[in-house]
Amino acid sequence: LFMVLVGLLAAFVPARLAGEMTSIGTLMAFTLVCAAVLVVRRTMPDVPRSFKTPLVPLIPILGILTCLCMMLFLPADTWIRLVLWMLIGLDIYVGYGMKHSKLEHGGDTRHGQVALNMIGLILAVLCVITGLWHQQTVGWGENKVLLIISFVFAFTHCAYYMWRIWRK
């Protein structure tokens, strides 16, 4: 499914842009996998596994640092797109995933809701930061379309997640 989406993306956008978006998305996924190894080893140490990563926590930490270092060398506009896609993914989860979750009806979800709202606010702030960073790198006299898009996304998401926090 991922390769189909990347193929469709590559058909409609320049190759450089498709390559950068694929790179940052893949590196972000690898970073999350490395972090998950750390979390699962700590929270569920006795669960039987078919494979155990050696030298934990060294290998996952080195994996996270390596991926983040490679991500830092990608252009600022790629970071804007990453944060925007993460916000869109969070919107899909909030709008569809939570309502159709079988776990959601199981009990107290207050802690999860607080974490979800905080993630939404953090991503909105990151959207502003990456927009300003991009505009700084290209120059303030240049095209401001990505800056405006990032600000619109950020402010609408800030308003929405603050509303979710104060609604409770």
N, C-alpha and C. Protein backbone atom coordinates (compact mmCIF):
# COMPACT_ATOMS: atom_id res chain seq x y z
N LEU A 1 0.83 -1.19 0.00
CA LEU A 1 0.00 0.00 0.00
C LEU A 1 0.87 1.25 0.00
N PHE A 2 1.93 1.23 0.83
CA PHE A 2 2.83 2.38 0.90
C PHE A 2 3.47 2.65 -0.46
N MET A 3 3.93 1.59 -1.12
CA MET A 3 4.59 1.77 -2.42
C MET A 3 3.61 2.28 -3.47
N VAL A 4 2.35 1.88 -3.41
CA VAL A 4 1.34 2.38 -4.34
C VAL A 4 1.15 3.88 -4.12
N LEU A 5 1.06 4.30 -2.86
CA LEU A 5 0.91 5.72 -2.57
C LEU A 5 2.12 6.52 -3.02
N VAL A 6 3.31 5.99 -2.78
CA VAL A 6 4.53 6.67 -3.21
C VAL A 6 4.57 6.76 -4.73
N GLY A 7 4.16 5.68 -5.41
CA GLY A 7 4.13 5.69 -6.87
C GLY A 7 3.16 6.73 -7.41
N LEU A 8 1.98 6.83 -6.81
CA LEU A 8 1.02 7.84 -7.23
C LEU A 8 1.54 9.25 -6.95
N LEU A 9 2.17 9.40 -5.80
CA LEU A 9 2.76 10.69 -5.45
C LEU A 9 3.82 11.08 -6.47
N ALA A 10 4.67 10.13 -6.84
CA ALA A 10 5.76 10.40 -7.78
C ALA A 10 5.23 10.77 -9.16
N ALA A 11 4.03 10.31 -9.50
CA ALA A 11 3.47 10.63 -10.81
C ALA A 11 3.00 12.08 -10.91
N PHE A 12 2.70 12.69 -9.78
CA PHE A 12 2.12 14.03 -9.81
C PHE A 12 2.99 15.14 -9.24
N VAL A 13 4.10 14.80 -8.64
CA VAL A 13 4.99 15.82 -8.08
C VAL A 13 6.40 15.62 -8.63
N PRO A 14 7.23 16.65 -8.57
CA PRO A 14 8.61 16.50 -9.04
C PRO A 14 9.35 15.40 -8.28
N ALA A 15 10.30 14.76 -8.95
CA ALA A 15 11.04 13.63 -8.38
C ALA A 15 11.77 14.03 -7.10
N ARG A 16 12.35 15.23 -7.07
CA ARG A 16 13.07 15.68 -5.88
C ARG A 16 12.14 15.73 -4.68
N LEU A 17 10.97 16.29 -4.88
CA LEU A 17 9.99 16.40 -3.80
C LEU A 17 9.51 15.03 -3.33
N ALA A 18 9.22 14.15 -4.27
CA ALA A 18 8.78 12.79 -3.91
C ALA A 18 9.88 12.06 -3.15
N GLY A 19 11.11 12.21 -3.59
CA GLY A 19 12.24 11.56 -2.92
C GLY A 19 12.43 12.07 -1.51
N GLU A 20 12.35 13.38 -1.33
CA GLU A 20 12.52 13.96 0.01
C GLU A 20 11.39 13.54 0.95
N MET A 21 10.16 13.54 0.44
CA MET A 21 9.03 13.15 1.29
C MET A 21 9.11 11.67 1.66
N THR A 22 9.52 10.84 0.71
CA THR A 22 9.69 9.41 1.00
C THR A 22 10.80 9.21 2.02
N SER A 23 11.89 9.95 1.86
CA SER A 23 13.03 9.82 2.78
C SER A 23 12.65 10.21 4.19
N ILE A 24 12.01 11.36 4.36
CA ILE A 24 11.70 11.81 5.72
C ILE A 24 10.63 10.92 6.35
N GLY A 25 9.69 10.45 5.55
CA GLY A 25 8.67 9.55 6.09
C GLY A 25 9.25 8.21 6.54
N THR A 26 10.16 7.67 5.73
CA THR A 26 10.79 6.40 6.08
C THR A 26 11.69 6.56 7.30
N LEU A 27 12.47 7.63 7.34
CA LEU A 27 13.33 7.86 8.50
C LEU A 27 12.52 8.08 9.77
N MET A 28 11.38 8.76 9.65
CA MET A 28 10.51 8.95 10.81
C MET A 28 9.96 7.61 11.29
N ALA A 29 9.58 6.75 10.35
CA ALA A 29 9.07 5.42 10.72
C ALA A 29 10.16 4.61 11.42
N PHE A 30 11.39 4.65 10.91
CA PHE A 30 12.49 3.93 11.55
C PHE A 30 12.76 4.47 12.95
N THR A 31 12.66 5.79 13.11
CA THR A 31 12.86 6.40 14.43
C THR A 31 11.80 5.89 15.41
N LEU A 32 10.55 5.84 14.96
CA LEU A 32 9.48 5.35 15.83
C LEU A 32 9.65 3.87 16.18
N VAL A 33 10.13 3.08 15.23
CA VAL A 33 10.38 1.66 15.51
C VAL A 33 11.47 1.51 16.57
N CYS A 34 12.54 2.27 16.43
CA CYS A 34 13.62 2.20 17.43
C CYS A 34 13.11 2.62 18.81
N ALA A 35 12.30 3.67 18.85
CA ALA A 35 11.73 4.11 20.13
C ALA A 35 10.79 3.05 20.69
N ALA A 36 10.04 2.38 19.81
CA ALA A 36 9.12 1.34 20.27
C ALA A 36 9.87 0.16 20.88
N VAL A 37 11.05 -0.16 20.34
CA VAL A 37 11.86 -1.24 20.93
C VAL A 37 12.20 -0.89 22.37
N LEU A 38 12.59 0.36 22.61
CA LEU A 38 12.92 0.79 23.97
C LEU A 38 11.70 0.70 24.89
N VAL A 39 10.57 1.18 24.41
CA VAL A 39 9.35 1.21 25.24
C VAL A 39 8.87 -0.21 25.54
N VAL A 40 8.81 -1.06 24.53
CA VAL A 40 8.29 -2.41 24.73
C VAL A 40 9.21 -3.21 25.65
N ARG A 41 10.51 -3.04 25.49
CA ARG A 41 11.43 -3.77 26.37
C ARG A 41 11.26 -3.35 27.82
N ARG A 42 10.93 -2.09 28.05
CA ARG A 42 10.78 -1.61 29.43
C ARG A 42 9.40 -1.95 30.00
N THR A 43 8.35 -1.78 29.20
CA THR A 43 7.00 -1.97 29.73
C THR A 43 6.53 -3.42 29.71
N MET A 44 7.07 -4.24 28.80
CA MET A 44 6.67 -5.65 28.72
C MET A 44 7.91 -6.54 28.59
N PRO A 45 8.73 -6.60 29.63
CA PRO A 45 9.99 -7.33 29.51
C PRO A 45 9.83 -8.85 29.40
N ASP A 46 8.72 -9.40 29.87
CA ASP A 46 8.56 -10.86 29.90
C ASP A 46 7.78 -11.43 28.72
N VAL A 47 7.35 -10.60 27.80
CA VAL A 47 6.59 -11.08 26.65
C VAL A 47 7.52 -11.88 25.74
N PRO A 48 7.11 -13.09 25.33
CA PRO A 48 7.97 -13.87 24.42
C PRO A 48 8.06 -13.20 23.05
N ARG A 49 9.27 -13.18 22.50
CA ARG A 49 9.51 -12.54 21.21
C ARG A 49 10.21 -13.52 20.28
N SER A 50 9.92 -13.41 18.99
CA SER A 50 10.61 -14.27 18.02
C SER A 50 12.01 -13.73 17.74
N PHE A 51 12.21 -12.45 17.99
CA PHE A 51 13.54 -11.85 17.81
C PHE A 51 13.75 -10.81 18.89
N LYS A 52 14.92 -10.80 19.49
CA LYS A 52 15.27 -9.80 20.49
C LYS A 52 16.44 -8.98 19.95
N THR A 53 16.26 -7.68 19.91
CA THR A 53 17.32 -6.79 19.46
C THR A 53 18.48 -6.87 20.45
N PRO A 54 19.69 -7.09 19.95
CA PRO A 54 20.83 -7.16 20.87
C PRO A 54 21.24 -5.76 21.34
N LEU A 55 21.95 -5.72 22.43
CA LEU A 55 22.54 -4.49 22.98
C LEU A 55 21.53 -3.37 23.19
N VAL A 56 20.34 -3.73 23.69
CA VAL A 56 19.36 -2.70 24.05
C VAL A 56 19.82 -2.09 25.37
N PRO A 57 19.88 -0.80 25.52
CA PRO A 57 19.31 0.27 24.73
C PRO A 57 20.27 0.90 23.71
N LEU A 58 21.49 0.41 23.59
CA LEU A 58 22.47 1.04 22.70
C LEU A 58 22.01 1.06 21.25
N ILE A 59 21.61 -0.07 20.70
CA ILE A 59 21.24 -0.15 19.28
C ILE A 59 20.05 0.75 18.96
N PRO A 60 18.94 0.71 19.72
CA PRO A 60 17.83 1.61 19.41
C PRO A 60 18.19 3.10 19.53
N ILE A 61 18.99 3.45 20.53
CA ILE A 61 19.39 4.85 20.69
C ILE A 61 20.25 5.29 19.51
N LEU A 62 21.19 4.45 19.10
CA LEU A 62 22.01 4.77 17.92
C LEU A 62 21.15 4.86 16.66
N GLY A 63 20.14 4.00 16.55
CA GLY A 63 19.23 4.05 15.41
C GLY A 63 18.45 5.36 15.38
N ILE A 64 17.95 5.78 16.53
CA ILE A 64 17.21 7.04 16.62
C ILE A 64 18.12 8.21 16.24
N LEU A 65 19.31 8.25 16.81
CA LEU A 65 20.24 9.35 16.52
C LEU A 65 20.64 9.39 15.05
N THR A 66 20.90 8.22 14.47
CA THR A 66 21.28 8.16 13.06
C THR A 66 20.16 8.68 12.16
N CYS A 67 18.94 8.22 12.41
CA CYS A 67 17.80 8.68 11.60
C CYS A 67 17.57 10.18 11.76
N LEU A 68 17.64 10.67 12.99
CA LEU A 68 17.43 12.11 13.21
C LEU A 68 18.52 12.94 12.54
N CYS A 69 19.76 12.46 12.59
CA CYS A 69 20.86 13.19 11.92
C CYS A 69 20.63 13.25 10.42
N MET A 70 20.19 12.15 9.83
CA MET A 70 19.92 12.16 8.38
C MET A 70 18.73 13.06 8.07
N MET A 71 17.73 13.09 8.94
CA MET A 71 16.56 13.94 8.72
C MET A 71 16.93 15.42 8.78
N LEU A 72 17.90 15.76 9.62
CA LEU A 72 18.29 17.16 9.77
C LEU A 72 18.84 17.76 8.48
N PHE A 73 19.37 16.92 7.59
CA PHE A 73 19.95 17.42 6.35
C PHE A 73 18.93 17.56 5.23
N LEU A 74 17.68 17.24 5.50
CA LEU A 74 16.63 17.44 4.51
C LEU A 74 16.15 18.89 4.57
N PRO A 75 15.68 19.44 3.46
CA PRO A 75 15.25 20.85 3.44
C PRO A 75 14.07 21.12 4.38
N ALA A 76 13.95 22.39 4.75
CA ALA A 76 12.90 22.80 5.68
C ALA A 76 11.50 22.55 5.12
N ASP A 77 11.31 22.71 3.81
CA ASP A 77 9.98 22.49 3.26
C ASP A 77 9.55 21.03 3.39
N THR A 78 10.51 20.12 3.41
CA THR A 78 10.20 18.70 3.63
C THR A 78 9.69 18.49 5.05
N TRP A 79 10.25 19.21 6.01
CA TRP A 79 9.80 19.12 7.40
C TRP A 79 8.37 19.65 7.54
N ILE A 80 8.05 20.72 6.81
CA ILE A 80 6.68 21.25 6.84
C ILE A 80 5.72 20.17 6.37
N ARG A 81 6.06 19.53 5.25
CA ARG A 81 5.19 18.49 4.71
C ARG A 81 5.05 17.32 5.68
N LEU A 82 6.13 16.95 6.36
CA LEU A 82 6.06 15.86 7.35
C LEU A 82 5.08 16.22 8.47
N VAL A 83 5.21 17.41 9.01
CA VAL A 83 4.33 17.82 10.11
C VAL A 83 2.88 17.92 9.63
N LEU A 84 2.67 18.45 8.41
CA LEU A 84 1.31 18.54 7.88
C LEU A 84 0.69 17.15 7.71
N TRP A 85 1.46 16.20 7.18
CA TRP A 85 0.95 14.83 7.03
C TRP A 85 0.68 14.19 8.38
N MET A 86 1.51 14.49 9.36
CA MET A 86 1.26 13.95 10.70
C MET A 86 -0.03 14.53 11.28
N LEU A 87 -0.27 15.81 11.06
CA LEU A 87 -1.52 16.43 11.52
C LEU A 87 -2.72 15.82 10.81
N ILE A 88 -2.60 15.60 9.50
CA ILE A 88 -3.69 14.99 8.75
C ILE A 88 -3.95 13.57 9.26
N GLY A 89 -2.88 12.83 9.52
CA GLY A 89 -3.03 11.48 10.08
C GLY A 89 -3.69 11.50 11.44
N LEU A 90 -3.33 12.47 12.27
CA LEU A 90 -3.96 12.61 13.58
C LEU A 90 -5.43 12.96 13.44
N ASP A 91 -5.76 13.81 12.45
CA ASP A 91 -7.16 14.15 12.19
C ASP A 91 -7.96 12.91 11.81
N ILE A 92 -7.38 12.07 10.96
CA ILE A 92 -8.07 10.84 10.55
C ILE A 92 -8.28 9.94 11.76
N TYR A 93 -7.27 9.84 12.60
CA TYR A 93 -7.41 9.01 13.80
C TYR A 93 -8.50 9.56 14.73
N VAL A 94 -8.49 10.87 14.96
CA VAL A 94 -9.48 11.48 15.85
C VAL A 94 -10.88 11.35 15.26
N GLY A 95 -10.99 11.60 13.95
CA GLY A 95 -12.31 11.60 13.32
C GLY A 95 -12.88 10.23 13.05
N TYR A 96 -12.04 9.26 12.73
CA TYR A 96 -12.54 7.94 12.37
C TYR A 96 -12.09 6.84 13.33
N GLY A 97 -10.80 6.80 13.59
CA GLY A 97 -10.23 5.70 14.36
C GLY A 97 -10.76 5.57 15.76
N MET A 98 -10.90 6.68 16.46
CA MET A 98 -11.38 6.63 17.85
C MET A 98 -12.82 6.16 17.92
N LYS A 99 -13.65 6.60 17.00
CA LYS A 99 -15.06 6.23 17.03
C LYS A 99 -15.28 4.76 16.68
N HIS A 100 -14.39 4.19 15.89
CA HIS A 100 -14.54 2.80 15.46
C HIS A 100 -13.63 1.84 16.22
N SER A 101 -12.95 2.34 17.22
CA SER A 101 -12.03 1.51 17.99
C SER A 101 -12.80 0.59 18.93
N LYS A 102 -12.38 -0.65 18.98
CA LYS A 102 -12.99 -1.60 19.92
C LYS A 102 -12.44 -1.38 21.32
N LEU A 103 -11.25 -0.81 21.43
CA LEU A 103 -10.65 -0.56 22.74
C LEU A 103 -11.24 0.68 23.40
N GLU A 104 -11.69 1.63 22.59
CA GLU A 104 -12.18 2.90 23.10
C GLU A 104 -13.36 2.72 24.05
N HIS A 105 -14.16 1.70 23.84
CA HIS A 105 -15.35 1.51 24.66
C HIS A 105 -15.06 0.71 25.93
N GLY A 106 -13.80 0.33 26.12
CA GLY A 106 -13.44 -0.57 27.20
C GLY A 106 -13.39 0.05 28.58
N GLY A 107 -13.10 1.32 28.71
CA GLY A 107 -12.99 1.88 30.05
C GLY A 107 -12.57 3.33 30.00
N ASP A 108 -11.81 3.73 31.01
CA ASP A 108 -11.39 5.12 31.15
C ASP A 108 -10.36 5.47 30.08
N THR A 109 -10.69 6.44 29.26
CA THR A 109 -9.78 6.86 28.19
C THR A 109 -9.29 8.29 28.41
N ARG A 110 -9.51 8.83 29.60
CA ARG A 110 -9.13 10.22 29.88
C ARG A 110 -7.64 10.46 29.67
N HIS A 111 -6.80 9.55 30.17
CA HIS A 111 -5.35 9.71 30.03
C HIS A 111 -4.95 9.74 28.55
N GLY A 112 -5.54 8.86 27.77
CA GLY A 112 -5.25 8.82 26.34
C GLY A 112 -5.71 10.07 25.62
N GLN A 113 -6.85 10.62 26.04
CA GLN A 113 -7.36 11.84 25.43
C GLN A 113 -6.45 13.03 25.71
N VAL A 114 -5.95 13.11 26.93
CA VAL A 114 -5.02 14.19 27.28
C VAL A 114 -3.76 14.08 26.44
N ALA A 115 -3.22 12.88 26.31
CA ALA A 115 -2.01 12.67 25.50
C ALA A 115 -2.28 13.02 24.04
N LEU A 116 -3.43 12.61 23.52
CA LEU A 116 -3.79 12.91 22.14
C LEU A 116 -3.88 14.41 21.90
N ASN A 117 -4.53 15.12 22.81
CA ASN A 117 -4.65 16.57 22.67
C ASN A 117 -3.30 17.26 22.75
N MET A 118 -2.43 16.78 23.62
CA MET A 118 -1.09 17.37 23.73
C MET A 118 -0.27 17.11 22.46
N ILE A 119 -0.39 15.92 21.89
CA ILE A 119 0.30 15.62 20.63
C ILE A 119 -0.19 16.55 19.53
N GLY A 120 -1.50 16.77 19.48
CA GLY A 120 -2.06 17.69 18.49
C GLY A 120 -1.52 19.10 18.65
N LEU A 121 -1.44 19.58 19.89
CA LEU A 121 -0.91 20.93 20.14
C LEU A 121 0.58 21.01 19.80
N ILE A 122 1.34 19.98 20.15
CA ILE A 122 2.78 19.97 19.85
C ILE A 122 3.00 19.98 18.35
N LEU A 123 2.23 19.18 17.61
CA LEU A 123 2.37 19.17 16.15
C LEU A 123 1.99 20.53 15.55
N ALA A 124 0.98 21.18 16.11
CA ALA A 124 0.59 22.50 15.62
C ALA A 124 1.71 23.52 15.85
N VAL A 125 2.35 23.47 17.00
CA VAL A 125 3.48 24.36 17.28
C VAL A 125 4.64 24.04 16.34
N LEU A 126 4.90 22.75 16.12
CA LEU A 126 5.96 22.36 15.17
C LEU A 126 5.66 22.84 13.76
N CYS A 127 4.39 22.91 13.42
CA CYS A 127 3.99 23.41 12.11
C CYS A 127 4.40 24.88 11.95
N VAL A 128 4.18 25.67 12.98
CA VAL A 128 4.60 27.09 12.95
C VAL A 128 6.12 27.19 12.88
N ILE A 129 6.81 26.41 13.70
CA ILE A 129 8.27 26.46 13.73
C ILE A 129 8.87 26.08 12.39
N THR A 130 8.36 24.99 11.78
CA THR A 130 8.91 24.58 10.49
C THR A 130 8.57 25.58 9.39
N GLY A 131 7.40 26.20 9.47
CA GLY A 131 7.04 27.23 8.50
C GLY A 131 7.98 28.43 8.58
N LEU A 132 8.25 28.88 9.80
CA LEU A 132 9.19 30.00 9.98
C LEU A 132 10.60 29.62 9.56
N TRP A 133 11.02 28.40 9.89
CA TRP A 133 12.35 27.92 9.51
C TRP A 133 12.49 27.89 7.98
N HIS A 134 11.47 27.38 7.30
CA HIS A 134 11.52 27.34 5.83
C HIS A 134 11.62 28.75 5.26
N GLN A 135 10.80 29.66 5.77
CA GLN A 135 10.82 31.02 5.23
C GLN A 135 12.16 31.69 5.50
N GLN A 136 12.76 31.41 6.64
CA GLN A 136 14.08 31.95 6.96
C GLN A 136 15.13 31.44 5.97
N THR A 137 15.04 30.16 5.59
CA THR A 137 16.04 29.59 4.69
C THR A 137 15.88 30.08 3.25
N VAL A 138 14.65 30.31 2.80
CA VAL A 138 14.46 30.78 1.41
C VAL A 138 14.51 32.30 1.31
N GLY A 139 14.32 32.99 2.41
CA GLY A 139 14.33 34.45 2.41
C GLY A 139 12.93 35.00 2.60
N TRP A 140 12.84 36.09 3.33
CA TRP A 140 11.54 36.66 3.67
C TRP A 140 10.87 37.35 2.50
N GLY A 141 11.63 37.68 1.47
CA GLY A 141 11.04 38.31 0.29
C GLY A 141 10.51 37.30 -0.72
N GLU A 142 10.75 36.03 -0.49
CA GLU A 142 10.34 34.98 -1.43
C GLU A 142 8.88 34.57 -1.19
N ASN A 143 8.42 33.63 -2.01
CA ASN A 143 7.06 33.10 -1.95
C ASN A 143 6.74 32.59 -0.54
N LYS A 144 5.60 33.00 -0.02
CA LYS A 144 5.22 32.65 1.35
C LYS A 144 4.08 31.63 1.42
N VAL A 145 3.86 30.88 0.34
CA VAL A 145 2.74 29.94 0.31
C VAL A 145 2.85 28.88 1.40
N LEU A 146 4.02 28.24 1.53
CA LEU A 146 4.18 27.21 2.56
C LEU A 146 4.06 27.79 3.97
N LEU A 147 4.53 29.01 4.16
CA LEU A 147 4.40 29.66 5.47
C LEU A 147 2.93 29.87 5.81
N ILE A 148 2.16 30.37 4.84
CA ILE A 148 0.74 30.61 5.07
C ILE A 148 0.00 29.30 5.33
N ILE A 149 0.31 28.27 4.53
CA ILE A 149 -0.34 26.97 4.72
C ILE A 149 -0.02 26.41 6.11
N SER A 150 1.25 26.51 6.51
CA SER A 150 1.62 25.98 7.82
C SER A 150 0.94 26.76 8.94
N PHE A 151 0.82 28.08 8.80
CA PHE A 151 0.13 28.87 9.82
C PHE A 151 -1.36 28.54 9.89
N VAL A 152 -2.01 28.39 8.74
CA VAL A 152 -3.44 28.05 8.73
C VAL A 152 -3.66 26.70 9.40
N PHE A 153 -2.87 25.69 9.01
CA PHE A 153 -2.98 24.38 9.65
C PHE A 153 -2.73 24.48 11.15
N ALA A 154 -1.67 25.19 11.52
CA ALA A 154 -1.30 25.28 12.94
C ALA A 154 -2.40 25.95 13.76
N PHE A 155 -2.90 27.07 13.31
CA PHE A 155 -3.88 27.79 14.11
C PHE A 155 -5.22 27.07 14.18
N THR A 156 -5.65 26.43 13.08
CA THR A 156 -6.90 25.68 13.15
C THR A 156 -6.76 24.47 14.07
N HIS A 157 -5.61 23.81 14.03
CA HIS A 157 -5.41 22.66 14.91
C HIS A 157 -5.23 23.08 16.37
N CYS A 158 -4.55 24.19 16.60
CA CYS A 158 -4.44 24.71 17.98
C CYS A 158 -5.83 24.99 18.54
N ALA A 159 -6.65 25.66 17.75
CA ALA A 159 -8.01 25.97 18.21
C ALA A 159 -8.79 24.69 18.48
N TYR A 160 -8.69 23.72 17.60
CA TYR A 160 -9.44 22.47 17.77
C TYR A 160 -8.99 21.70 19.00
N TYR A 161 -7.69 21.54 19.18
CA TYR A 161 -7.22 20.74 20.32
C TYR A 161 -7.38 21.49 21.64
N MET A 162 -7.32 22.81 21.62
CA MET A 162 -7.63 23.56 22.85
C MET A 162 -9.11 23.42 23.19
N TRP A 163 -9.96 23.45 22.17
CA TRP A 163 -11.39 23.23 22.39
C TRP A 163 -11.62 21.85 23.00
N ARG A 164 -10.92 20.84 22.51
CA ARG A 164 -11.06 19.48 23.06
C ARG A 164 -10.61 19.42 24.52
N ILE A 165 -9.56 20.17 24.85
CA ILE A 165 -9.08 20.19 26.24
C ILE A 165 -10.09 20.87 27.15
N TRP A 166 -10.59 22.04 26.75
CA TRP A 166 -11.50 22.80 27.61
C TRP A 166 -12.91 22.23 27.62
N ARG A 167 -13.24 21.43 26.64
CA ARG A 167 -14.57 20.82 26.58
C ARG A 167 -14.76 19.80 27.69
N LYS A 168 -13.70 19.15 28.11
CA LYS A 168 -13.80 18.08 29.13
C LYS A 168 -14.06 18.64 30.49
